[in-house]
Every structure is written in C-alpha cells, then in structure tokens.
C-alpha cells in the first residue's frame, strides 16, 4: 500500500498474536513515541504515524480499499484478531514523522507522472520557494527512492536498499534516470500544526477492541488474555538491554558523556526497573536533559530525548 522508510527499526516481524493492540497504541502514546507502527497480514496493511506520543494519522488498506482514522483502527483490530499478522515499529525524528505523514495522507503535488515529462529542476525550485514539508519519491515497478523535505530543503535520502537515512542523493538520481521511472510529490503541514490532532484522544481503544473481540471467534479471547500477561512482564535481561540502547542514543549525541549521564541517573533512581514507573521515568528524562544541556548546550538535545523516549516506550509496548 505504501512505502515508508525502514531505517531505524525498534521491532520487526513481531507476531501480532503476542500483543494486545490497544495497550501497544496507548503505551506508544503515553511515552511520547515518534515514528510509525506498521501491521501487515495477507492483503492488509495498517500504518499509524506518531509524533511526541500523538497519533497523527491512521490508514489501513484491505484488499486495496483504504480506510482512515477511526475506521482504520477498527479494521486493524479485526484483522489482528482474525488473521494475526506481523507488527513492525520504526523510530523517527519529528521532521521525518512529518514526511511519513505526507506519504500516508499528504496532498499530492505530482501523482505518478513520468520523470521524463516533468521539469524536475523547476519543480524542486518551487518546493524550495514554497517552504514545502514532504517527500519526493522516484519509483519504477521494482525500485523506489525518496528525498525528504523540511521548509523546502532536503533533510535526508532513502531508497529500497537503505539501512539508514542517507545524506547523498546519488541513489535517488539513479532511480529517477531508470527507463519508465515515475515521480510523486506529497506535502503536508508543519509538525506544530499536525500536533494539534491526536487520534488516540478521539477514540476509545478499549471499547473498539472489545467490540472486535465479540465479532471474532472465542479462542482469540484466550489468546488476548495470554498476550496481556506477556506484555505486563518485563524481564531483567530486557531492562538491561533497554538501558544499553538508551545509553547508545545518548552517546551518539554526547559521545562518552552521554553514556556516563544515563548510567549515573539509572543508578541514582534505583536501577533499570524504575523505568517501568511513569513518574520516575518522567523524572529520569528531566534529569538527563538537564545534564545534557550542561555537558553540551549545542547538541540536539530535544531530538535525543525524543529518541530515548521512543526507545523506552517502544520496547515496553511490544
């Protein structure tokens, strides 16, 4: 249905039968997750794009028929209970989440025109002049590449063979030059405008889940109960892995000082298990942010904290 970047996986190929979907969505929301959740089953796809814990949009495709918002979530729950499928969760920065929104529900400035029939240089110049936020995607039947834009300027590149967001447009140019290549350009509003909407605050996930259960066969209810027990238990090994992942995020922004800050604050709060408490987790983030500012006020600290929150919430949710 869609082609979204898979450059920063939190989880991939998780069995949908092992989780309780309302709990996953709620935990991603309450923890300030930024990125997207993808569920796939035979002839079905669902995408939910988050930014700072708000579900900006949801879209599902069932046998080629698209539904959005409330209806998309209803279809997601029905499909998880009836067909299982797989869940993938990918982390993003806020700017890339805006681009993901544009790919899923944005306005189409170009919608599949052949590259050779389009003045690409002129189009890109207009994007810059109009401060466009969104994505330029070049594609053929078996290749695809994207250029992500913020305020009319490219902020990253991605193609179907990427393992990360890239800084070079080389592959995008190669795919654009392939015989029969087409281009689509999708745009959307700024992150601040998109954050005014939160689908999680507009629907009762538990009620929707209960209704979906009543529409599906009885054995699935037992599966859901077992999944609830599974998601409520967090092993010591998983917590240690979580701390290590958060430390890696911090060190990517602050070098060795980042890991030292995380380890210090985890020790002071009484160990990794304290991250399971919402209030203590909030305090932890505040302390790390203050320490980070003191260590390097020029670092992208807001972005670092967002990624750390996504790491923690994502791992505890699935």
C-alpha atoms as a PDB file:
ATOM      1  CA  UNK A   1       0.000   0.000   0.000  1.00  0.00           C
ATOM      2  CA  UNK A   2       2.703   2.489   0.998  1.00  0.00           C
ATOM      3  CA  UNK A   3       6.479   2.604   1.045  1.00  0.00           C
ATOM      4  CA  UNK A   4       7.754   4.180   4.262  1.00  0.00           C
ATOM      5  CA  UNK A   5      11.391   4.261   5.380  1.00  0.00           C
ATOM      6  CA  UNK A   6      12.571   1.344   7.493  1.00  0.00           C
ATOM      7  CA  UNK A   7      15.846   2.908   8.540  1.00  0.00           C
ATOM      8  CA  UNK A   8      15.596   2.813  12.329  1.00  0.00           C
ATOM      9  CA  UNK A   9      13.751  -0.333  13.446  1.00  0.00           C
ATOM     10  CA  UNK A  10      12.650  -0.745  17.023  1.00  0.00           C
ATOM     11  CA  UNK A  11      10.900  -4.045  16.316  1.00  0.00           C
ATOM     12  CA  UNK A  12      10.393  -6.035  13.152  1.00  0.00           C
ATOM     13  CA  UNK A  13       8.279  -9.102  12.397  1.00  0.00           C
ATOM     14  CA  UNK A  14       6.660  -9.304  15.838  1.00  0.00           C
ATOM     15  CA  UNK A  15       3.709 -11.689  15.872  1.00  0.00           C
ATOM     16  CA  UNK A  16       0.515  -9.680  16.337  1.00  0.00           C
ATOM     17  CA  UNK A  17      -0.897 -12.597  18.317  1.00  0.00           C
ATOM     18  CA  UNK A  18       1.601 -11.902  21.113  1.00  0.00           C
ATOM     19  CA  UNK A  19       0.423  -8.378  21.882  1.00  0.00           C
ATOM     20  CA  UNK A  20      -2.766  -6.577  22.870  1.00  0.00           C
ATOM     21  CA  UNK A  21      -3.142  -3.842  20.295  1.00  0.00           C
ATOM     22  CA  UNK A  22      -4.878  -1.188  22.465  1.00  0.00           C
ATOM     23  CA  UNK A  23      -2.085  -1.496  25.030  1.00  0.00           C
ATOM     24  CA  UNK A  24       0.581  -1.112  22.341  1.00  0.00           C
ATOM     25  CA  UNK A  25      -1.016   2.037  20.922  1.00  0.00           C
ATOM     26  CA  UNK A  26      -1.663   3.535  24.368  1.00  0.00           C
ATOM     27  CA  UNK A  27       1.891   2.915  25.573  1.00  0.00           C
ATOM     28  CA  UNK A  28       3.374   4.420  22.439  1.00  0.00           C
ATOM     29  CA  UNK A  29       1.165   7.438  23.039  1.00  0.00           C
ATOM     30  CA  UNK A  30       1.774   7.862  26.760  1.00  0.00           C
ATOM     31  CA  UNK A  31       5.521   7.570  26.318  1.00  0.00           C
ATOM     32  CA  UNK A  32       5.914  10.236  23.658  1.00  0.00           C
ATOM     33  CA  UNK A  33       6.850   7.868  20.822  1.00  0.00           C
ATOM     34  CA  UNK A  34       7.845   9.391  17.465  1.00  0.00           C
ATOM     35  CA  UNK A  35       7.803   7.140  14.411  1.00  0.00           C
ATOM     36  CA  UNK A  36       5.304   4.726  12.973  1.00  0.00           C
ATOM     37  CA  UNK A  37       3.690   1.358  13.574  1.00  0.00           C
ATOM     38  CA  UNK A  38       3.038  -0.959  10.640  1.00  0.00           C
ATOM     39  CA  UNK A  39       0.827  -4.059  10.786  1.00  0.00           C
ATOM     40  CA  UNK A  40       0.689  -6.452   7.860  1.00  0.00           C
ATOM     41  CA  UNK A  41      -1.451  -9.513   7.144  1.00  0.00           C
ATOM     42  CA  UNK A  42      -2.498 -11.171   3.863  1.00  0.00           C
ATOM     43  CA  UNK A  43      -3.891  -8.412   1.590  1.00  0.00           C
ATOM     44  CA  UNK A  44      -3.892  -5.991   4.532  1.00  0.00           C
ATOM     45  CA  UNK A  45      -1.672  -3.152   5.753  1.00  0.00           C
ATOM     46  CA  UNK A  46      -2.051  -0.619   8.542  1.00  0.00           C
ATOM     47  CA  UNK A  47       0.115   2.428   9.261  1.00  0.00           C
ATOM     48  CA  UNK A  48      -0.107   4.645  12.332  1.00  0.00           C
ATOM     49  CA  UNK A  49       2.198   7.685  12.385  1.00  0.00           C
ATOM     50  CA  UNK A  50       3.124   9.127  15.803  1.00  0.00           C
ATOM     51  CA  UNK A  51       4.886  12.320  16.865  1.00  0.00           C
ATOM     52  CA  UNK A  52       5.635  13.052  20.524  1.00  0.00           C
ATOM     53  CA  UNK A  53       3.082  10.431  21.549  1.00  0.00           C
ATOM     54  CA  UNK A  54       0.248  11.758  19.404  1.00  0.00           C
ATOM     55  CA  UNK A  55      -1.272   9.512  16.749  1.00  0.00           C
ATOM     56  CA  UNK A  56      -1.277  11.936  13.845  1.00  0.00           C
ATOM     57  CA  UNK A  57      -2.973   9.598  11.408  1.00  0.00           C
ATOM     58  CA  UNK A  58      -4.013   6.016  10.766  1.00  0.00           C
ATOM     59  CA  UNK A  59      -4.682   4.340   7.453  1.00  0.00           C
ATOM     60  CA  UNK A  60      -5.476   0.757   6.514  1.00  0.00           C
ATOM     61  CA  UNK A  61      -5.762  -0.997   3.192  1.00  0.00           C
ATOM     62  CA  UNK A  62      -7.853  -4.165   2.975  1.00  0.00           C
ATOM     63  CA  UNK A  63      -7.666  -5.830  -0.436  1.00  0.00           C
ATOM     64  CA  UNK A  64      -6.813  -2.461  -1.964  1.00  0.00           C
ATOM     65  CA  UNK A  65      -9.597  -0.481  -0.253  1.00  0.00           C
ATOM     66  CA  UNK A  66      -8.335   2.313   2.004  1.00  0.00           C
ATOM     67  CA  UNK A  67      -9.853   3.487   5.289  1.00  0.00           C
ATOM     68  CA  UNK A  68      -8.541   6.251   7.531  1.00  0.00           C
ATOM     69  CA  UNK A  69      -8.893   7.408  11.146  1.00  0.00           C
ATOM     70  CA  UNK A  70     -11.450   5.600  13.322  1.00  0.00           C
ATOM     71  CA  UNK A  71     -12.364   3.125  10.575  1.00  0.00           C
ATOM     72  CA  UNK A  72      -8.714   2.214  10.031  1.00  0.00           C
ATOM     73  CA  UNK A  73      -8.280   1.294  13.697  1.00  0.00           C
ATOM     74  CA  UNK A  74     -11.459  -0.820  13.631  1.00  0.00           C
ATOM     75  CA  UNK A  75     -10.096  -2.736  10.642  1.00  0.00           C
ATOM     76  CA  UNK A  76      -6.716  -3.133  12.360  1.00  0.00           C
ATOM     77  CA  UNK A  77      -8.282  -4.708  15.444  1.00  0.00           C
ATOM     78  CA  UNK A  78     -10.455  -7.044  13.374  1.00  0.00           C
ATOM     79  CA  UNK A  79      -7.528  -8.170  11.272  1.00  0.00           C
ATOM     80  CA  UNK A  80      -5.229  -8.770  14.260  1.00  0.00           C
ATOM     81  CA  UNK A  81      -7.870 -10.966  15.898  1.00  0.00           C
ATOM     82  CA  UNK A  82      -8.919 -12.830  12.767  1.00  0.00           C
ATOM     83  CA  UNK A  83      -5.657 -13.206  10.860  1.00  0.00           C
ATOM     84  CA  UNK A  84      -2.784 -12.371  13.230  1.00  0.00           C
ATOM     85  CA  UNK A  85      -0.079 -10.912  11.045  1.00  0.00           C
ATOM     86  CA  UNK A  86       3.109  -9.059  11.923  1.00  0.00           C
ATOM     87  CA  UNK A  87       3.901  -5.762  13.629  1.00  0.00           C
ATOM     88  CA  UNK A  88       6.832  -3.509  12.798  1.00  0.00           C
ATOM     89  CA  UNK A  89       7.751  -0.367  14.726  1.00  0.00           C
ATOM     90  CA  UNK A  90      10.204   2.207  13.374  1.00  0.00           C
ATOM     91  CA  UNK A  91      11.605   5.215  15.190  1.00  0.00           C
ATOM     92  CA  UNK A  92      11.945   8.621  13.557  1.00  0.00           C
ATOM     93  CA  UNK A  93      12.770  12.207  14.319  1.00  0.00           C
ATOM     94  CA  UNK A  94       9.857  14.628  14.361  1.00  0.00           C
ATOM     95  CA  UNK A  95      10.830  16.005  10.945  1.00  0.00           C
ATOM     96  CA  UNK A  96      10.803  12.536   9.378  1.00  0.00           C
ATOM     97  CA  UNK A  97       7.456  11.758  11.038  1.00  0.00           C
ATOM     98  CA  UNK A  98       6.055  14.768   9.162  1.00  0.00           C
ATOM     99  CA  UNK A  99       7.403  13.235   5.945  1.00  0.00           C
ATOM    100  CA  UNK A 100       5.828   9.880   6.819  1.00  0.00           C
ATOM    101  CA  UNK A 101       2.509  11.650   7.344  1.00  0.00           C
ATOM    102  CA  UNK A 102       2.900  13.264   3.926  1.00  0.00           C
ATOM    103  CA  UNK A 103       3.466   9.851   2.325  1.00  0.00           C
ATOM    104  CA  UNK A 104       0.417   8.363   4.031  1.00  0.00           C
ATOM    105  CA  UNK A 105      -2.146  11.168   3.884  1.00  0.00           C
ATOM    106  CA  UNK A 106      -0.482  14.225   2.385  1.00  0.00           C
ATOM    107  CA  UNK A 107      -1.571  16.253  -0.620  1.00  0.00           C
ATOM    108  CA  UNK A 108      -0.247  15.019  -3.972  1.00  0.00           C
ATOM    109  CA  UNK A 109       1.501  17.754  -5.938  1.00  0.00           C
ATOM    110  CA  UNK A 110       2.543  15.148  -8.520  1.00  0.00           C
ATOM    111  CA  UNK A 111       0.971  11.709  -8.585  1.00  0.00           C
ATOM    112  CA  UNK A 112       2.912   9.268 -10.696  1.00  0.00           C
ATOM    113  CA  UNK A 113       3.898  11.319 -13.735  1.00  0.00           C
ATOM    114  CA  UNK A 114       6.788  10.022 -15.830  1.00  0.00           C
ATOM    115  CA  UNK A 115      10.032  11.682 -14.811  1.00  0.00           C
ATOM    116  CA  UNK A 116      10.987  12.422 -18.414  1.00  0.00           C
ATOM    117  CA  UNK A 117       7.835  14.513 -18.824  1.00  0.00           C
ATOM    118  CA  UNK A 118       8.465  16.656 -15.744  1.00  0.00           C
ATOM    119  CA  UNK A 119      10.797  19.629 -15.304  1.00  0.00           C
ATOM    120  CA  UNK A 120      12.347  18.191 -12.145  1.00  0.00           C
ATOM    121  CA  UNK A 121      14.724  21.116 -11.566  1.00  0.00           C
ATOM    122  CA  UNK A 122      11.869  23.555 -11.863  1.00  0.00           C
ATOM    123  CA  UNK A 123       9.649  21.514  -9.544  1.00  0.00           C
ATOM    124  CA  UNK A 124      12.357  21.264  -6.873  1.00  0.00           C
ATOM    125  CA  UNK A 125      12.936  25.005  -7.115  1.00  0.00           C
ATOM    126  CA  UNK A 126       9.225  25.569  -6.455  1.00  0.00           C
ATOM    127  CA  UNK A 127       9.372  23.293  -3.417  1.00  0.00           C
ATOM    128  CA  UNK A 128      12.148  25.466  -2.019  1.00  0.00           C
ATOM    129  CA  UNK A 129      10.317  28.670  -2.803  1.00  0.00           C
ATOM    130  CA  UNK A 130       7.123  27.411  -1.130  1.00  0.00           C
ATOM    131  CA  UNK A 131       8.880  26.008   2.001  1.00  0.00           C
ATOM    132  CA  UNK A 132       7.316  22.603   1.379  1.00  0.00           C
ATOM    133  CA  UNK A 133       7.366  19.850   4.003  1.00  0.00           C
ATOM    134  CA  UNK A 134       7.055  16.410   2.469  1.00  0.00           C
ATOM    135  CA  UNK A 135       8.597  13.846   0.157  1.00  0.00           C
ATOM    136  CA  UNK A 136       9.700  13.492  -3.453  1.00  0.00           C
ATOM    137  CA  UNK A 137       9.590   9.819  -4.460  1.00  0.00           C
ATOM    138  CA  UNK A 138      11.027   8.344  -7.653  1.00  0.00           C
ATOM    139  CA  UNK A 139       9.987   4.803  -8.478  1.00  0.00           C
ATOM    140  CA  UNK A 140       9.716   2.005 -11.031  1.00  0.00           C
ATOM    141  CA  UNK A 141       7.965  -1.357 -10.728  1.00  0.00           C
ATOM    142  CA  UNK A 142      10.784  -2.711  -8.557  1.00  0.00           C
ATOM    143  CA  UNK A 143      12.775   0.294  -7.279  1.00  0.00           C
ATOM    144  CA  UNK A 144      11.934   3.286  -5.091  1.00  0.00           C
ATOM    145  CA  UNK A 145      13.821   6.236  -3.626  1.00  0.00           C
ATOM    146  CA  UNK A 146      12.800   9.235  -1.539  1.00  0.00           C
ATOM    147  CA  UNK A 147      14.007  12.735  -0.791  1.00  0.00           C
ATOM    148  CA  UNK A 148      12.687  14.163   2.484  1.00  0.00           C
ATOM    149  CA  UNK A 149      11.988  17.885   2.681  1.00  0.00           C
ATOM    150  CA  UNK A 150      11.602  20.374   5.503  1.00  0.00           C
ATOM    151  CA  UNK A 151      10.826  24.027   4.747  1.00  0.00           C
ATOM    152  CA  UNK A 152      11.681  23.439   1.097  1.00  0.00           C
ATOM    153  CA  UNK A 153      15.131  21.946   1.738  1.00  0.00           C
ATOM    154  CA  UNK A 154      16.208  18.273   1.587  1.00  0.00           C
ATOM    155  CA  UNK A 155      16.973  16.780   5.003  1.00  0.00           C
ATOM    156  CA  UNK A 156      17.729  13.183   4.005  1.00  0.00           C
ATOM    157  CA  UNK A 157      17.540  10.468   1.372  1.00  0.00           C
ATOM    158  CA  UNK A 158      16.311   6.880   1.435  1.00  0.00           C
ATOM    159  CA  UNK A 159      15.897   4.056  -1.070  1.00  0.00           C
ATOM    160  CA  UNK A 160      14.660   0.466  -1.012  1.00  0.00           C
ATOM    161  CA  UNK A 161      18.143  -0.867  -0.304  1.00  0.00           C
ATOM    162  CA  UNK A 162      18.931   1.553   2.532  1.00  0.00           C
ATOM    163  CA  UNK A 163      19.606   0.593   6.123  1.00  0.00           C
ATOM    164  CA  UNK A 164      19.661   4.223   7.277  1.00  0.00           C
ATOM    165  CA  UNK A 165      18.678   7.718   6.235  1.00  0.00           C
ATOM    166  CA  UNK A 166      21.421   8.849   3.866  1.00  0.00           C
ATOM    167  CA  UNK A 167      23.000  12.226   3.151  1.00  0.00           C
ATOM    168  CA  UNK A 168      23.677  11.639  -0.547  1.00  0.00           C
ATOM    169  CA  UNK A 169      21.152  11.918  -3.407  1.00  0.00           C
ATOM    170  CA  UNK A 170      23.135   9.570  -5.668  1.00  0.00           C
ATOM    171  CA  UNK A 171      20.769   6.599  -5.492  1.00  0.00           C
ATOM    172  CA  UNK A 172      17.714   8.823  -5.932  1.00  0.00           C
ATOM    173  CA  UNK A 173      19.244  10.222  -9.111  1.00  0.00           C
ATOM    174  CA  UNK A 174      19.987   6.716 -10.419  1.00  0.00           C
ATOM    175  CA  UNK A 175      16.423   5.538  -9.864  1.00  0.00           C
ATOM    176  CA  UNK A 176      14.996   8.740 -11.359  1.00  0.00           C
ATOM    177  CA  UNK A 177      17.057   8.048 -14.500  1.00  0.00           C
ATOM    178  CA  UNK A 178      15.763   4.470 -14.976  1.00  0.00           C
ATOM    179  CA  UNK A 179      13.558   3.791 -18.029  1.00  0.00           C
ATOM    180  CA  UNK A 180       9.898   4.427 -17.212  1.00  0.00           C
ATOM    181  CA  UNK A 181      10.652   5.984 -13.814  1.00  0.00           C
ATOM    182  CA  UNK A 182       7.814   7.977 -12.277  1.00  0.00           C
ATOM    183  CA  UNK A 183       7.656  10.669  -9.626  1.00  0.00           C
ATOM    184  CA  UNK A 184       5.223  11.602  -6.903  1.00  0.00           C
ATOM    185  CA  UNK A 185       5.461  14.586  -4.586  1.00  0.00           C
ATOM    186  CA  UNK A 186       3.456  14.687  -1.365  1.00  0.00           C
ATOM    187  CA  UNK A 187       3.308  17.551   1.076  1.00  0.00           C
ATOM    188  CA  UNK A 188       1.734  18.370   4.406  1.00  0.00           C
ATOM    189  CA  UNK A 189       1.619  20.935   7.179  1.00  0.00           C
ATOM    190  CA  UNK A 190       4.306  21.670   9.763  1.00  0.00           C
ATOM    191  CA  UNK A 191       4.881  19.460  12.792  1.00  0.00           C
ATOM    192  CA  UNK A 192       3.417  22.106  15.094  1.00  0.00           C
ATOM    193  CA  UNK A 193       0.183  22.118  13.075  1.00  0.00           C
ATOM    194  CA  UNK A 194      -0.030  18.331  12.892  1.00  0.00           C
ATOM    195  CA  UNK A 195       0.415  18.054  16.659  1.00  0.00           C
ATOM    196  CA  UNK A 196      -2.949  19.765  17.155  1.00  0.00           C
ATOM    197  CA  UNK A 197      -4.565  16.431  16.235  1.00  0.00           C
ATOM    198  CA  UNK A 198      -4.357  13.229  18.267  1.00  0.00           C
ATOM    199  CA  UNK A 199      -6.455  10.280  17.153  1.00  0.00           C
ATOM    200  CA  UNK A 200      -5.806   8.499  20.451  1.00  0.00           C
ATOM    201  CA  UNK A 201      -7.783  11.203  22.269  1.00  0.00           C
ATOM    202  CA  UNK A 202     -10.716  10.842  19.885  1.00  0.00           C
ATOM    203  CA  UNK A 203     -11.409   7.111  20.142  1.00  0.00           C
ATOM    204  CA  UNK A 204     -11.974   4.626  22.959  1.00  0.00           C
ATOM    205  CA  UNK A 205      -9.454   1.941  22.075  1.00  0.00           C
ATOM    206  CA  UNK A 206     -10.634  -0.493  24.719  1.00  0.00           C
ATOM    207  CA  UNK A 207     -14.248  -0.319  23.540  1.00  0.00           C
ATOM    208  CA  UNK A 208     -13.169  -0.823  19.935  1.00  0.00           C
ATOM    209  CA  UNK A 209     -11.072  -3.814  20.981  1.00  0.00           C
ATOM    210  CA  UNK A 210     -13.907  -5.389  22.947  1.00  0.00           C
ATOM    211  CA  UNK A 211     -16.252  -4.951  20.002  1.00  0.00           C
ATOM    212  CA  UNK A 212     -13.699  -6.565  17.704  1.00  0.00           C
ATOM    213  CA  UNK A 213     -13.342  -9.493  20.090  1.00  0.00           C
ATOM    214  CA  UNK A 214     -17.101 -10.031  20.094  1.00  0.00           C
ATOM    215  CA  UNK A 215     -17.043 -10.230  16.299  1.00  0.00           C
ATOM    216  CA  UNK A 216     -14.337 -12.876  16.225  1.00  0.00           C
ATOM    217  CA  UNK A 217     -14.110 -16.485  17.363  1.00  0.00           C
ATOM    218  CA  UNK A 218     -13.880 -17.423  21.046  1.00  0.00           C
ATOM    219  CA  UNK A 219     -10.325 -18.872  21.017  1.00  0.00           C
ATOM    220  CA  UNK A 220      -8.987 -15.439  20.177  1.00  0.00           C
ATOM    221  CA  UNK A 221     -10.183 -14.090  23.517  1.00  0.00           C
ATOM    222  CA  UNK A 222      -7.959 -16.588  25.311  1.00  0.00           C
ATOM    223  CA  UNK A 223      -5.082 -15.502  23.103  1.00  0.00           C
ATOM    224  CA  UNK A 224      -5.681 -11.877  24.082  1.00  0.00           C
ATOM    225  CA  UNK A 225      -5.619 -12.726  27.800  1.00  0.00           C
ATOM    226  CA  UNK A 226      -2.340 -14.580  27.371  1.00  0.00           C
ATOM    227  CA  UNK A 227      -0.915 -11.638  25.466  1.00  0.00           C
ATOM    228  CA  UNK A 228      -1.935  -9.242  28.246  1.00  0.00           C
ATOM    229  CA  UNK A 229       0.066 -11.295  30.741  1.00  0.00           C
ATOM    230  CA  UNK A 230       3.022 -11.344  28.385  1.00  0.00           C
ATOM    231  CA  UNK A 231       3.090  -7.574  27.866  1.00  0.00           C
ATOM    232  CA  UNK A 232       2.809  -6.895  31.604  1.00  0.00           C
ATOM    233  CA  UNK A 233       6.008  -8.787  32.449  1.00  0.00           C
ATOM    234  CA  UNK A 234       9.418  -7.321  31.699  1.00  0.00           C
ATOM    235  CA  UNK A 235      12.486  -9.458  32.324  1.00  0.00           C
ATOM    236  CA  UNK A 236      15.666  -8.173  33.927  1.00  0.00           C
ATOM    237  CA  UNK A 237      17.516  -9.027  30.711  1.00  0.00           C
ATOM    238  CA  UNK A 238      15.128  -6.860  28.682  1.00  0.00           C
ATOM    239  CA  UNK A 239      15.591  -3.958  31.105  1.00  0.00           C
ATOM    240  CA  UNK A 240      19.378  -4.182  30.853  1.00  0.00           C
ATOM    241  CA  UNK A 241      19.123  -4.230  27.059  1.00  0.00           C
ATOM    242  CA  UNK A 242      16.875  -1.191  27.272  1.00  0.00           C
ATOM    243  CA  UNK A 243      19.391   0.767  29.365  1.00  0.00           C
ATOM    244  CA  UNK A 244      22.136  -0.155  26.908  1.00  0.00           C
ATOM    245  CA  UNK A 245      20.026   1.048  23.966  1.00  0.00           C
ATOM    246  CA  UNK A 246      19.247   4.354  25.711  1.00  0.00           C
ATOM    247  CA  UNK A 247      22.940   4.788  26.532  1.00  0.00           C
ATOM    248  CA  UNK A 248      23.800   4.306  22.859  1.00  0.00           C
ATOM    249  CA  UNK A 249      21.358   7.036  21.880  1.00  0.00           C
ATOM    250  CA  UNK A 250      22.891   9.398  24.432  1.00  0.00           C
ATOM    251  CA  UNK A 251      26.444   8.610  23.337  1.00  0.00           C
ATOM    252  CA  UNK A 252      25.514   9.258  19.695  1.00  0.00           C
ATOM    253  CA  UNK A 253      24.695  12.863  20.651  1.00  0.00           C
ATOM    254  CA  UNK A 254      27.108  13.487  23.537  1.00  0.00           C
ATOM    255  CA  UNK A 255      29.902  10.941  22.990  1.00  0.00           C
ATOM    256  CA  UNK A 256      31.204   9.287  26.167  1.00  0.00           C
ATOM    257  CA  UNK A 257      29.495  11.872  28.380  1.00  0.00           C
ATOM    258  CA  UNK A 258      26.095  10.674  27.177  1.00  0.00           C
ATOM    259  CA  UNK A 259      26.580   7.111  28.375  1.00  0.00           C
ATOM    260  CA  UNK A 260      28.000   8.357  31.680  1.00  0.00           C
ATOM    261  CA  UNK A 261      24.944  10.562  32.263  1.00  0.00           C
ATOM    262  CA  UNK A 262      22.483   7.729  31.622  1.00  0.00           C
ATOM    263  CA  UNK A 263      24.343   5.242  33.799  1.00  0.00           C
ATOM    264  CA  UNK A 264      24.600   7.773  36.626  1.00  0.00           C
ATOM    265  CA  UNK A 265      20.895   8.644  36.596  1.00  0.00           C
ATOM    266  CA  UNK A 266      19.803   4.992  36.319  1.00  0.00           C
ATOM    267  CA  UNK A 267      21.923   4.139  39.358  1.00  0.00           C
ATOM    268  CA  UNK A 268      20.607   7.100  41.368  1.00  0.00           C
ATOM    269  CA  UNK A 269      16.983   6.211  40.665  1.00  0.00           C
ATOM    270  CA  UNK A 270      17.436   2.672  41.969  1.00  0.00           C
ATOM    271  CA  UNK A 271      18.117   0.620  38.877  1.00  0.00           C
ATOM    272  CA  UNK A 272      16.549  -0.112  35.464  1.00  0.00           C
ATOM    273  CA  UNK A 273      13.275  -1.423  36.921  1.00  0.00           C
ATOM    274  CA  UNK A 274      12.364   2.139  37.954  1.00  0.00           C
ATOM    275  CA  UNK A 275      11.843   2.948  34.260  1.00  0.00           C
ATOM    276  CA  UNK A 276       8.569   0.992  34.487  1.00  0.00           C
ATOM    277  CA  UNK A 277       7.137   3.718  36.752  1.00  0.00           C
ATOM    278  CA  UNK A 278       5.673   6.614  34.730  1.00  0.00           C
ATOM    279  CA  UNK A 279       6.530   9.299  37.291  1.00  0.00           C
ATOM    280  CA  UNK A 280      10.102   8.092  37.812  1.00  0.00           C
ATOM    281  CA  UNK A 281      10.607   7.755  34.069  1.00  0.00           C
ATOM    282  CA  UNK A 282       9.495  11.373  33.605  1.00  0.00           C
ATOM    283  CA  UNK A 283      11.948  12.499  36.283  1.00  0.00           C
ATOM    284  CA  UNK A 284      14.703  10.460  34.629  1.00  0.00           C
ATOM    285  CA  UNK A 285      14.185  12.239  31.294  1.00  0.00           C
ATOM    286  CA  UNK A 286      14.182  15.652  33.001  1.00  0.00           C
ATOM    287  CA  UNK A 287      17.439  14.897  34.816  1.00  0.00           C
ATOM    288  CA  UNK A 288      19.136  13.544  31.691  1.00  0.00           C
ATOM    289  CA  UNK A 289      18.038  16.591  29.714  1.00  0.00           C
ATOM    290  CA  UNK A 290      19.469  18.958  32.344  1.00  0.00           C
ATOM    291  CA  UNK A 291      22.741  17.018  32.470  1.00  0.00           C
ATOM    292  CA  UNK A 292      22.948  17.005  28.663  1.00  0.00           C
ATOM    293  CA  UNK A 293      22.488  20.776  28.437  1.00  0.00           C
ATOM    294  CA  UNK A 294      25.277  21.238  30.966  1.00  0.00           C
ATOM    295  CA  UNK A 295      27.542  18.853  29.056  1.00  0.00           C
ATOM    296  CA  UNK A 296      26.930  20.328  25.587  1.00  0.00           C
ATOM    297  CA  UNK A 297      24.303  23.014  25.111  1.00  0.00           C
ATOM    298  CA  UNK A 298      24.858  22.976  21.338  1.00  0.00           C
ATOM    299  CA  UNK A 299      23.850  19.321  20.926  1.00  0.00           C
ATOM    300  CA  UNK A 300      20.415  18.407  19.516  1.00  0.00           C
ATOM    301  CA  UNK A 301      19.143  17.546  22.986  1.00  0.00           C
ATOM    302  CA  UNK A 302      15.394  17.690  22.241  1.00  0.00           C
ATOM    303  CA  UNK A 303      15.887  15.225  19.414  1.00  0.00           C
ATOM    304  CA  UNK A 304      17.999  12.978  21.670  1.00  0.00           C
ATOM    305  CA  UNK A 305      15.332  12.920  24.389  1.00  0.00           C
ATOM    306  CA  UNK A 306      12.610  12.132  21.815  1.00  0.00           C
ATOM    307  CA  UNK A 307      14.605   9.175  20.517  1.00  0.00           C
ATOM    308  CA  UNK A 308      15.294   7.938  24.041  1.00  0.00           C
ATOM    309  CA  UNK A 309      11.584   8.096  24.855  1.00  0.00           C
ATOM    310  CA  UNK A 310      10.764   6.221  21.660  1.00  0.00           C
ATOM    311  CA  UNK A 311      13.320   3.549  22.533  1.00  0.00           C
ATOM    312  CA  UNK A 312      11.915   3.014  26.028  1.00  0.00           C
ATOM    313  CA  UNK A 313       8.238   3.180  25.127  1.00  0.00           C
ATOM    314  CA  UNK A 314       8.618   1.030  22.063  1.00  0.00           C
ATOM    315  CA  UNK A 315      10.438  -1.742  23.890  1.00  0.00           C
ATOM    316  CA  UNK A 316       7.993  -1.752  26.791  1.00  0.00           C
ATOM    317  CA  UNK A 317       4.988  -1.694  24.469  1.00  0.00           C
ATOM    318  CA  UNK A 318       5.836  -4.696  22.306  1.00  0.00           C
END
